[in-house]
Amino acid sequence: MLCYVMLIITWRQQPIMNEMERL
């Protein structure tokens, strides 16, 4: 669950949508 929270925080810090699209 901690990993999930960290992911959300990172998303808010910078747009990781680009990386998601790459995956």
N, C-alpha and C. Protein backbone atom coordinates (compact mmCIF):
# COMPACT_ATOMS: atom_id res chain seq x y z
N MET A 1 0.86 -1.21 0.00
CA MET A 1 0.00 0.00 0.00
C MET A 1 0.89 1.25 0.00
N LEU A 2 2.00 1.16 0.68
CA LEU A 2 2.91 2.32 0.72
C LEU A 2 3.37 2.68 -0.69
N CYS A 3 3.64 1.66 -1.46
CA CYS A 3 4.11 1.90 -2.85
C CYS A 3 3.05 2.68 -3.61
N TYR A 4 1.81 2.30 -3.42
CA TYR A 4 0.72 2.97 -4.13
C TYR A 4 0.66 4.45 -3.75
N VAL A 5 0.76 4.72 -2.47
CA VAL A 5 0.71 6.12 -2.00
C VAL A 5 1.89 6.90 -2.60
N MET A 6 3.04 6.28 -2.61
CA MET A 6 4.24 6.97 -3.15
C MET A 6 4.01 7.30 -4.63
N LEU A 7 3.41 6.37 -5.33
CA LEU A 7 3.15 6.61 -6.77
C LEU A 7 2.25 7.82 -6.95
N ILE A 8 1.21 7.89 -6.16
CA ILE A 8 0.27 9.02 -6.27
C ILE A 8 1.01 10.34 -5.98
N ILE A 9 1.84 10.33 -4.94
CA ILE A 9 2.57 11.55 -4.58
C ILE A 9 3.48 11.96 -5.73
N THR A 10 4.15 10.98 -6.31
CA THR A 10 5.06 11.31 -7.42
C THR A 10 4.27 11.89 -8.59
N TRP A 11 3.10 11.31 -8.85
CA TRP A 11 2.27 11.81 -9.95
C TRP A 11 1.96 13.28 -9.72
N ARG A 12 1.66 13.62 -8.51
CA ARG A 12 1.29 15.02 -8.19
C ARG A 12 2.54 15.89 -8.32
N GLN A 13 3.68 15.38 -7.94
CA GLN A 13 4.91 16.19 -8.00
C GLN A 13 5.25 16.51 -9.46
N GLN A 14 5.21 15.51 -10.31
CA GLN A 14 5.48 15.77 -11.74
C GLN A 14 4.63 14.84 -12.60
N PRO A 15 4.24 15.29 -13.75
CA PRO A 15 3.37 14.49 -14.63
C PRO A 15 4.07 13.24 -15.13
N ILE A 16 3.71 12.11 -14.59
CA ILE A 16 4.33 10.85 -15.04
C ILE A 16 3.42 10.18 -16.08
N MET A 17 2.46 10.95 -16.58
CA MET A 17 1.54 10.38 -17.57
C MET A 17 2.34 9.95 -18.80
N ASN A 18 3.35 10.70 -19.12
CA ASN A 18 4.18 10.36 -20.29
C ASN A 18 4.82 8.99 -20.08
N GLU A 19 5.34 8.77 -18.91
CA GLU A 19 6.00 7.46 -18.63
C GLU A 19 4.96 6.35 -18.68
N MET A 20 3.78 6.63 -18.20
CA MET A 20 2.72 5.61 -18.19
C MET A 20 2.38 5.23 -19.63
N GLU A 21 2.31 6.23 -20.47
CA GLU A 21 1.98 5.95 -21.88
C GLU A 21 3.08 5.10 -22.50
N ARG A 22 4.29 5.36 -22.12
CA ARG A 22 5.42 4.59 -22.67
C ARG A 22 5.25 3.11 -22.30
N LEU A 23 4.86 2.87 -21.07
CA LEU A 23 4.69 1.48 -20.62
C LEU A 23 3.54 0.88 -21.41
